[in-house]
Amino acid sequence: MPSSRRLKVAGGRPLHDCRTCPIRALGTFRPFAPEELRFVERLRIGEATVAAGTQVFQEGEKSPYLLTVLSGWLIKTKTLPDGRRQIINYAIAGDLLGLQNAVLDKMQHSVEALDDVRLCVFPKEKLWSMFEHPPGLGFDVTWLAAQEKSILADFLVSVGQRSASERIAFLLLTLFRRARAVGLVEGAIADLPITQEHLADTIGFSLAHTNKRLARLKRSGLFDWRGSRFEMIDERRLAELAGQPSSP
């Protein structure tokens, strides 16, 4: 699989103007002041489109890039020497990739595209300039890092304390709500390009055990999941099983 060192960046004239960036229209993100928008336009070096299965970052890699997801789904993974894999988080539109690479000089986990993904590309050596002028961008980067830490804490609780059914409920509820927050849900239906193997690698149970618990939850009428088509049927009950608030 190609690594980020071979990421093909479309430089020169950007494929999308920063002023019409698709993620700026999302209600979950604050509007930029004119000077912030001009700063980002000068900072970005282009865009990249990667196919499903592409290894965007490799654990231990030093890459020159800091990336923002424009569209698509990705997973963040840690792999043991014997090949066992733990999915530690998911990334969708608006998420920042490669912050560890910029701060710690190399990636502490791998990042893989689950479907076709579009990325906005920045040079990692310019990260610190976001904390200098305009200062609001530095807060944004810090906020994204804090949000990811919060998500990782919730995933850790799942692996350490929740039952298999509770882990599945929590993960599906979290992914559905994150997708809805960035406009990827129509009605009660989301396109989740994850497999049962991804589910098992996230919740920390065997594939066979995960499949049995997943089938039981589907029969209970909480959701319907066929291929990548996920339909939320009873969010309140799913949230109750996951130990989460009934509304985000």
C-alpha atoms as a PDB file:
ATOM      1  CA  MET A   1       0.000   0.000   0.000  1.00  0.00           C
ATOM      2  CA  PRO A   2       1.262   3.505  -0.764  1.00  0.00           C
ATOM      3  CA  SER A   3       2.372   5.557   2.212  1.00  0.00           C
ATOM      4  CA  SER A   4       2.008   9.305   2.762  1.00  0.00           C
ATOM      5  CA  ARG A   5       5.559   9.767   1.466  1.00  0.00           C
ATOM      6  CA  ARG A   6       4.105   8.919  -1.932  1.00  0.00           C
ATOM      7  CA  LEU A   7       0.917  10.903  -1.410  1.00  0.00           C
ATOM      8  CA  LYS A   8       0.166  12.625  -4.708  1.00  0.00           C
ATOM      9  CA  VAL A   9      -0.573  16.229  -3.877  1.00  0.00           C
ATOM     10  CA  ALA A  10      -2.335  18.333  -6.499  1.00  0.00           C
ATOM     11  CA  GLY A  11      -0.558  21.669  -6.089  1.00  0.00           C
ATOM     12  CA  GLY A  12      -0.830  24.905  -8.022  1.00  0.00           C
ATOM     13  CA  ARG A  13      -4.406  26.029  -8.474  1.00  0.00           C
ATOM     14  CA  PRO A  14      -6.427  24.282  -5.722  1.00  0.00           C
ATOM     15  CA  LEU A  15      -9.246  21.947  -6.695  1.00  0.00           C
ATOM     16  CA  HIS A  16     -11.513  23.849  -4.331  1.00  0.00           C
ATOM     17  CA  ASP A  17     -11.190  27.437  -3.217  1.00  0.00           C
ATOM     18  CA  CYS A  18     -10.871  27.836   0.553  1.00  0.00           C
ATOM     19  CA  ARG A  19     -13.810  30.240   0.471  1.00  0.00           C
ATOM     20  CA  THR A  20     -16.049  27.483  -0.851  1.00  0.00           C
ATOM     21  CA  CYS A  21     -14.481  24.615   1.117  1.00  0.00           C
ATOM     22  CA  PRO A  22     -17.169  21.967   1.735  1.00  0.00           C
ATOM     23  CA  ILE A  23     -16.430  21.644   5.446  1.00  0.00           C
ATOM     24  CA  ARG A  24     -16.761  25.394   6.079  1.00  0.00           C
ATOM     25  CA  ALA A  25     -20.502  25.098   5.448  1.00  0.00           C
ATOM     26  CA  LEU A  26     -20.935  22.581   8.268  1.00  0.00           C
ATOM     27  CA  GLY A  27     -22.629  23.962  11.344  1.00  0.00           C
ATOM     28  CA  THR A  28     -20.173  22.184  13.636  1.00  0.00           C
ATOM     29  CA  PHE A  29     -17.356  24.541  12.630  1.00  0.00           C
ATOM     30  CA  ARG A  30     -16.998  28.211  13.410  1.00  0.00           C
ATOM     31  CA  PRO A  31     -16.816  30.777  10.596  1.00  0.00           C
ATOM     32  CA  PHE A  32     -13.341  32.089   9.752  1.00  0.00           C
ATOM     33  CA  ALA A  33     -12.461  35.753   9.953  1.00  0.00           C
ATOM     34  CA  PRO A  34     -11.165  37.125   6.600  1.00  0.00           C
ATOM     35  CA  GLU A  35      -7.557  37.220   7.829  1.00  0.00           C
ATOM     36  CA  GLU A  36      -7.783  33.598   8.994  1.00  0.00           C
ATOM     37  CA  LEU A  37      -9.112  32.492   5.622  1.00  0.00           C
ATOM     38  CA  ARG A  38      -6.305  34.318   3.792  1.00  0.00           C
ATOM     39  CA  PHE A  39      -3.745  32.726   6.117  1.00  0.00           C
ATOM     40  CA  VAL A  40      -5.058  29.202   5.444  1.00  0.00           C
ATOM     41  CA  GLU A  41      -5.125  29.851   1.689  1.00  0.00           C
ATOM     42  CA  ARG A  42      -1.447  30.815   1.782  1.00  0.00           C
ATOM     43  CA  LEU A  43      -0.559  27.881   4.030  1.00  0.00           C
ATOM     44  CA  ARG A  44      -2.144  25.004   2.124  1.00  0.00           C
ATOM     45  CA  ILE A  45      -0.068  23.343  -0.560  1.00  0.00           C
ATOM     46  CA  GLY A  46      -2.793  21.439  -2.377  1.00  0.00           C
ATOM     47  CA  GLU A  47      -5.185  18.526  -2.175  1.00  0.00           C
ATOM     48  CA  ALA A  48      -4.886  14.767  -2.424  1.00  0.00           C
ATOM     49  CA  THR A  49      -7.380  12.075  -3.362  1.00  0.00           C
ATOM     50  CA  VAL A  50      -6.703   8.550  -2.119  1.00  0.00           C
ATOM     51  CA  ALA A  51      -8.542   5.314  -2.858  1.00  0.00           C
ATOM     52  CA  ALA A  52     -10.049   2.944  -0.329  1.00  0.00           C
ATOM     53  CA  GLY A  53      -7.345   0.841   1.322  1.00  0.00           C
ATOM     54  CA  THR A  54      -4.624   3.460   0.948  1.00  0.00           C
ATOM     55  CA  GLN A  55      -2.279   3.783   3.926  1.00  0.00           C
ATOM     56  CA  VAL A  56      -2.261   7.564   4.354  1.00  0.00           C
ATOM     57  CA  PHE A  57       0.153   7.476   7.315  1.00  0.00           C
ATOM     58  CA  GLN A  58       2.225   4.558   8.584  1.00  0.00           C
ATOM     59  CA  GLU A  59       3.049   4.071  12.267  1.00  0.00           C
ATOM     60  CA  GLY A  60       6.639   5.230  12.895  1.00  0.00           C
ATOM     61  CA  GLU A  61       6.716   7.259   9.681  1.00  0.00           C
ATOM     62  CA  LYS A  62       8.043  10.787   9.332  1.00  0.00           C
ATOM     63  CA  SER A  63       5.897  12.644   6.816  1.00  0.00           C
ATOM     64  CA  PRO A  64       6.075  16.266   5.622  1.00  0.00           C
ATOM     65  CA  TYR A  65       2.292  16.612   5.726  1.00  0.00           C
ATOM     66  CA  LEU A  66      -0.512  17.688   8.018  1.00  0.00           C
ATOM     67  CA  LEU A  67      -3.923  16.790   6.566  1.00  0.00           C
ATOM     68  CA  THR A  68      -7.533  17.857   6.927  1.00  0.00           C
ATOM     69  CA  VAL A  69     -10.247  15.453   5.785  1.00  0.00           C
ATOM     70  CA  LEU A  70     -12.571  17.005   3.195  1.00  0.00           C
ATOM     71  CA  SER A  71     -14.630  13.870   2.554  1.00  0.00           C
ATOM     72  CA  GLY A  72     -14.547  10.141   3.166  1.00  0.00           C
ATOM     73  CA  TRP A  73     -13.879   7.821   6.113  1.00  0.00           C
ATOM     74  CA  LEU A  74     -10.568   6.679   7.592  1.00  0.00           C
ATOM     75  CA  ILE A  75      -9.425   4.508  10.486  1.00  0.00           C
ATOM     76  CA  LYS A  76      -6.549   5.062  12.903  1.00  0.00           C
ATOM     77  CA  THR A  77      -4.843   1.830  13.947  1.00  0.00           C
ATOM     78  CA  LYS A  78      -2.111   0.321  16.108  1.00  0.00           C
ATOM     79  CA  THR A  79      -0.666  -3.049  15.085  1.00  0.00           C
ATOM     80  CA  LEU A  80       1.183  -5.553  17.289  1.00  0.00           C
ATOM     81  CA  PRO A  81       4.272  -7.424  16.010  1.00  0.00           C
ATOM     82  CA  ASP A  82       2.170 -10.574  15.413  1.00  0.00           C
ATOM     83  CA  GLY A  83      -0.253  -8.675  13.179  1.00  0.00           C
ATOM     84  CA  ARG A  84      -3.116  -8.147  15.619  1.00  0.00           C
ATOM     85  CA  ARG A  85      -4.714  -4.764  14.979  1.00  0.00           C
ATOM     86  CA  GLN A  86      -6.583  -2.336  17.204  1.00  0.00           C
ATOM     87  CA  ILE A  87      -8.658   0.426  15.619  1.00  0.00           C
ATOM     88  CA  ILE A  88      -8.306   3.357  17.996  1.00  0.00           C
ATOM     89  CA  ASN A  89     -10.435   5.958  16.202  1.00  0.00           C
ATOM     90  CA  TYR A  90     -12.229   6.954  13.013  1.00  0.00           C
ATOM     91  CA  ALA A  91     -11.826  10.148  10.982  1.00  0.00           C
ATOM     92  CA  ILE A  92     -14.366  11.966   8.817  1.00  0.00           C
ATOM     93  CA  ALA A  93     -14.837  15.413   7.263  1.00  0.00           C
ATOM     94  CA  GLY A  94     -13.237  18.182   9.311  1.00  0.00           C
ATOM     95  CA  ASP A  95     -10.856  15.950  11.258  1.00  0.00           C
ATOM     96  CA  LEU A  96      -7.138  16.685  11.421  1.00  0.00           C
ATOM     97  CA  LEU A  97      -4.612  13.961  10.568  1.00  0.00           C
ATOM     98  CA  GLY A  98      -0.892  13.880  11.304  1.00  0.00           C
ATOM     99  CA  LEU A  99      -0.740  16.096  14.387  1.00  0.00           C
ATOM    100  CA  GLN A 100       1.484  13.549  16.154  1.00  0.00           C
ATOM    101  CA  ASN A 101       3.747  13.588  13.114  1.00  0.00           C
ATOM    102  CA  ALA A 102       4.043  17.372  13.371  1.00  0.00           C
ATOM    103  CA  VAL A 103       4.565  17.548  17.145  1.00  0.00           C
ATOM    104  CA  LEU A 104       6.419  14.286  17.943  1.00  0.00           C
ATOM    105  CA  ASP A 105       8.245  14.077  14.589  1.00  0.00           C
ATOM    106  CA  LYS A 106       6.728  10.723  13.647  1.00  0.00           C
ATOM    107  CA  MET A 107       3.395   8.960  13.634  1.00  0.00           C
ATOM    108  CA  GLN A 108       2.394   6.909  16.662  1.00  0.00           C
ATOM    109  CA  HIS A 109      -0.364   5.120  14.721  1.00  0.00           C
ATOM    110  CA  SER A 110      -1.316   4.318  11.129  1.00  0.00           C
ATOM    111  CA  VAL A 111      -4.147   5.916   9.140  1.00  0.00           C
ATOM    112  CA  GLU A 112      -5.983   4.026   6.388  1.00  0.00           C
ATOM    113  CA  ALA A 113      -8.743   5.151   4.012  1.00  0.00           C
ATOM    114  CA  LEU A 114     -11.957   3.115   4.265  1.00  0.00           C
ATOM    115  CA  ASP A 115     -13.407   4.580   1.075  1.00  0.00           C
ATOM    116  CA  ASP A 116     -12.288   7.181  -1.453  1.00  0.00           C
ATOM    117  CA  VAL A 117     -11.022  10.157   0.545  1.00  0.00           C
ATOM    118  CA  ARG A 118     -10.227  13.777  -0.299  1.00  0.00           C
ATOM    119  CA  LEU A 119      -7.630  15.551   1.833  1.00  0.00           C
ATOM    120  CA  CYS A 120      -6.447  19.134   2.175  1.00  0.00           C
ATOM    121  CA  VAL A 121      -2.661  19.163   2.532  1.00  0.00           C
ATOM    122  CA  PHE A 122      -0.525  21.476   4.688  1.00  0.00           C
ATOM    123  CA  PRO A 123       3.231  21.421   5.408  1.00  0.00           C
ATOM    124  CA  LYS A 124       3.769  20.137   8.924  1.00  0.00           C
ATOM    125  CA  GLU A 125       6.629  22.577   9.595  1.00  0.00           C
ATOM    126  CA  LYS A 126       4.089  25.409   9.419  1.00  0.00           C
ATOM    127  CA  LEU A 127       2.020  24.064  12.321  1.00  0.00           C
ATOM    128  CA  TRP A 128       3.528  26.453  14.852  1.00  0.00           C
ATOM    129  CA  SER A 129       2.668  29.462  12.721  1.00  0.00           C
ATOM    130  CA  MET A 130      -0.999  28.693  13.417  1.00  0.00           C
ATOM    131  CA  PHE A 131      -0.362  29.529  17.074  1.00  0.00           C
ATOM    132  CA  GLU A 132       1.234  32.878  16.275  1.00  0.00           C
ATOM    133  CA  HIS A 133      -0.996  34.732  13.827  1.00  0.00           C
ATOM    134  CA  PRO A 134      -3.942  34.576  13.731  1.00  0.00           C
ATOM    135  CA  PRO A 135      -4.139  33.026  17.223  1.00  0.00           C
ATOM    136  CA  GLY A 136      -7.660  31.650  16.745  1.00  0.00           C
ATOM    137  CA  LEU A 137      -6.282  28.888  14.529  1.00  0.00           C
ATOM    138  CA  GLY A 138      -4.027  27.692  17.323  1.00  0.00           C
ATOM    139  CA  PHE A 139      -7.079  27.317  19.548  1.00  0.00           C
ATOM    140  CA  ASP A 140      -8.811  25.346  16.778  1.00  0.00           C
ATOM    141  CA  VAL A 141      -5.912  22.891  16.558  1.00  0.00           C
ATOM    142  CA  THR A 142      -5.884  22.523  20.351  1.00  0.00           C
ATOM    143  CA  TRP A 143      -9.663  21.964  20.353  1.00  0.00           C
ATOM    144  CA  LEU A 144      -9.357  19.207  17.736  1.00  0.00           C
ATOM    145  CA  ALA A 145      -6.614  17.514  19.771  1.00  0.00           C
ATOM    146  CA  ALA A 146      -8.748  17.744  22.932  1.00  0.00           C
ATOM    147  CA  GLN A 147     -11.756  16.291  21.107  1.00  0.00           C
ATOM    148  CA  GLU A 148      -9.712  13.340  19.916  1.00  0.00           C
ATOM    149  CA  LYS A 149      -8.427  12.706  23.433  1.00  0.00           C
ATOM    150  CA  SER A 150     -12.015  12.700  24.689  1.00  0.00           C
ATOM    151  CA  ILE A 151     -13.020  10.159  22.030  1.00  0.00           C
ATOM    152  CA  LEU A 152     -10.028   7.956  22.871  1.00  0.00           C
ATOM    153  CA  ALA A 153     -11.021   8.044  26.555  1.00  0.00           C
ATOM    154  CA  ASP A 154     -14.514   6.824  25.658  1.00  0.00           C
ATOM    155  CA  PHE A 155     -13.064   4.036  23.487  1.00  0.00           C
ATOM    156  CA  LEU A 156     -10.772   3.014  26.356  1.00  0.00           C
ATOM    157  CA  VAL A 157     -13.766   2.755  28.692  1.00  0.00           C
ATOM    158  CA  SER A 158     -15.458   0.519  26.117  1.00  0.00           C
ATOM    159  CA  VAL A 159     -12.527  -1.871  25.832  1.00  0.00           C
ATOM    160  CA  GLY A 160     -11.997  -1.935  29.599  1.00  0.00           C
ATOM    161  CA  GLN A 161     -15.496  -1.994  31.049  1.00  0.00           C
ATOM    162  CA  ARG A 162     -18.375  -2.343  28.563  1.00  0.00           C
ATOM    163  CA  SER A 163     -19.848  -5.691  27.526  1.00  0.00           C
ATOM    164  CA  ALA A 164     -19.713  -6.758  23.879  1.00  0.00           C
ATOM    165  CA  SER A 165     -23.258  -5.519  23.223  1.00  0.00           C
ATOM    166  CA  GLU A 166     -22.554  -2.241  25.002  1.00  0.00           C
ATOM    167  CA  ARG A 167     -19.341  -1.752  22.996  1.00  0.00           C
ATOM    168  CA  ILE A 168     -21.147  -2.303  19.704  1.00  0.00           C
ATOM    169  CA  ALA A 169     -23.976   0.018  20.731  1.00  0.00           C
ATOM    170  CA  PHE A 170     -21.546   2.729  21.796  1.00  0.00           C
ATOM    171  CA  LEU A 171     -19.477   2.512  18.614  1.00  0.00           C
ATOM    172  CA  LEU A 172     -22.429   2.530  16.207  1.00  0.00           C
ATOM    173  CA  LEU A 173     -24.122   5.361  18.102  1.00  0.00           C
ATOM    174  CA  THR A 174     -20.904   7.392  18.112  1.00  0.00           C
ATOM    175  CA  LEU A 175     -20.222   6.896  14.404  1.00  0.00           C
ATOM    176  CA  PHE A 176     -23.833   7.670  13.482  1.00  0.00           C
ATOM    177  CA  ARG A 177     -23.858  10.882  15.526  1.00  0.00           C
ATOM    178  CA  ARG A 178     -20.493  11.995  14.168  1.00  0.00           C
ATOM    179  CA  ALA A 179     -21.735  11.371  10.628  1.00  0.00           C
ATOM    180  CA  ARG A 180     -24.934  13.297  11.325  1.00  0.00           C
ATOM    181  CA  ALA A 181     -22.992  16.256  12.731  1.00  0.00           C
ATOM    182  CA  VAL A 182     -21.176  16.707   9.409  1.00  0.00           C
ATOM    183  CA  GLY A 183     -24.185  16.206   7.165  1.00  0.00           C
ATOM    184  CA  LEU A 184     -23.622  12.561   6.211  1.00  0.00           C
ATOM    185  CA  VAL A 185     -27.009  11.310   7.424  1.00  0.00           C
ATOM    186  CA  GLU A 186     -30.214  11.556   5.393  1.00  0.00           C
ATOM    187  CA  GLY A 187     -33.234  11.047   7.570  1.00  0.00           C
ATOM    188  CA  ALA A 188     -32.082   8.139   9.724  1.00  0.00           C
ATOM    189  CA  ILE A 189     -29.760   6.563   7.149  1.00  0.00           C
ATOM    190  CA  ALA A 190     -25.968   6.832   7.024  1.00  0.00           C
ATOM    191  CA  ASP A 191     -23.406   5.296   4.705  1.00  0.00           C
ATOM    192  CA  LEU A 192     -20.913   3.596   7.054  1.00  0.00           C
ATOM    193  CA  PRO A 193     -18.102   1.985   5.017  1.00  0.00           C
ATOM    194  CA  ILE A 194     -17.048  -0.309   7.851  1.00  0.00           C
ATOM    195  CA  THR A 195     -17.159  -4.090   7.986  1.00  0.00           C
ATOM    196  CA  GLN A 196     -17.788  -6.476  10.842  1.00  0.00           C
ATOM    197  CA  GLU A 197     -14.028  -7.054  10.916  1.00  0.00           C
ATOM    198  CA  HIS A 198     -13.514  -3.329  11.515  1.00  0.00           C
ATOM    199  CA  LEU A 199     -16.108  -3.547  14.269  1.00  0.00           C
ATOM    200  CA  ALA A 200     -14.289  -6.467  15.915  1.00  0.00           C
ATOM    201  CA  ASP A 201     -10.909  -4.698  15.655  1.00  0.00           C
ATOM    202  CA  THR A 202     -12.416  -1.672  17.400  1.00  0.00           C
ATOM    203  CA  ILE A 203     -14.282  -3.314  20.265  1.00  0.00           C
ATOM    204  CA  GLY A 204     -11.583  -5.915  20.994  1.00  0.00           C
ATOM    205  CA  PHE A 205     -13.581  -9.142  20.585  1.00  0.00           C
ATOM    206  CA  SER A 206     -13.187 -11.982  18.101  1.00  0.00           C
ATOM    207  CA  LEU A 207     -14.971 -11.686  14.768  1.00  0.00           C
ATOM    208  CA  ALA A 208     -17.232 -14.640  15.586  1.00  0.00           C
ATOM    209  CA  HIS A 209     -18.284 -13.211  18.963  1.00  0.00           C
ATOM    210  CA  THR A 210     -18.780  -9.755  17.449  1.00  0.00           C
ATOM    211  CA  ASN A 211     -21.005 -11.175  14.682  1.00  0.00           C
ATOM    212  CA  LYS A 212     -23.212 -13.028  17.191  1.00  0.00           C
ATOM    213  CA  ARG A 213     -23.707  -9.928  19.342  1.00  0.00           C
ATOM    214  CA  LEU A 214     -24.297  -7.737  16.308  1.00  0.00           C
ATOM    215  CA  ALA A 215     -26.961 -10.107  14.958  1.00  0.00           C
ATOM    216  CA  ARG A 216     -28.701 -10.134  18.338  1.00  0.00           C
ATOM    217  CA  LEU A 217     -28.784  -6.325  18.436  1.00  0.00           C
ATOM    218  CA  LYS A 218     -30.185  -6.162  14.899  1.00  0.00           C
ATOM    219  CA  ARG A 219     -32.968  -8.590  15.846  1.00  0.00           C
ATOM    220  CA  SER A 220     -33.873  -6.351  18.786  1.00  0.00           C
ATOM    221  CA  GLY A 221     -34.913  -3.620  16.352  1.00  0.00           C
ATOM    222  CA  LEU A 222     -32.429  -0.928  17.388  1.00  0.00           C
ATOM    223  CA  PHE A 223     -30.973  -0.497  13.892  1.00  0.00           C
ATOM    224  CA  ASP A 224     -30.715  -2.086  10.476  1.00  0.00           C
ATOM    225  CA  TRP A 225     -27.310  -2.541   8.848  1.00  0.00           C
ATOM    226  CA  ARG A 226     -26.894  -4.038   5.379  1.00  0.00           C
ATOM    227  CA  GLY A 227     -23.560  -3.576   3.618  1.00  0.00           C
ATOM    228  CA  SER A 228     -22.600   0.047   4.228  1.00  0.00           C
ATOM    229  CA  ARG A 229     -26.230   1.196   4.640  1.00  0.00           C
ATOM    230  CA  PHE A 230     -26.903   1.852   8.316  1.00  0.00           C
ATOM    231  CA  GLU A 231     -30.393   2.857   9.426  1.00  0.00           C
ATOM    232  CA  MET A 232     -31.003   4.108  12.948  1.00  0.00           C
ATOM    233  CA  ILE A 233     -34.359   2.762  14.145  1.00  0.00           C
ATOM    234  CA  ASP A 234     -34.402   3.458  17.884  1.00  0.00           C
ATOM    235  CA  GLU A 235     -31.666   5.904  18.882  1.00  0.00           C
ATOM    236  CA  ARG A 236     -33.019   6.331  22.405  1.00  0.00           C
ATOM    237  CA  ARG A 237     -32.773   2.610  23.198  1.00  0.00           C
ATOM    238  CA  LEU A 238     -29.382   2.286  21.516  1.00  0.00           C
ATOM    239  CA  ALA A 239     -28.113   5.232  23.571  1.00  0.00           C
ATOM    240  CA  GLU A 240     -29.520   3.655  26.722  1.00  0.00           C
ATOM    241  CA  LEU A 241     -27.661   0.409  26.027  1.00  0.00           C
ATOM    242  CA  ALA A 242     -24.460   2.384  25.313  1.00  0.00           C
ATOM    243  CA  GLY A 243     -24.842   4.386  28.539  1.00  0.00           C
ATOM    244  CA  GLN A 244     -24.996   7.664  26.619  1.00  0.00           C
ATOM    245  CA  PRO A 245     -27.429  10.617  26.626  1.00  0.00           C
ATOM    246  CA  SER A 246     -30.533  10.046  24.499  1.00  0.00           C
ATOM    247  CA  SER A 247     -29.636  13.122  22.411  1.00  0.00           C
ATOM    248  CA  PRO A 248     -26.107  14.314  21.467  1.00  0.00           C
END
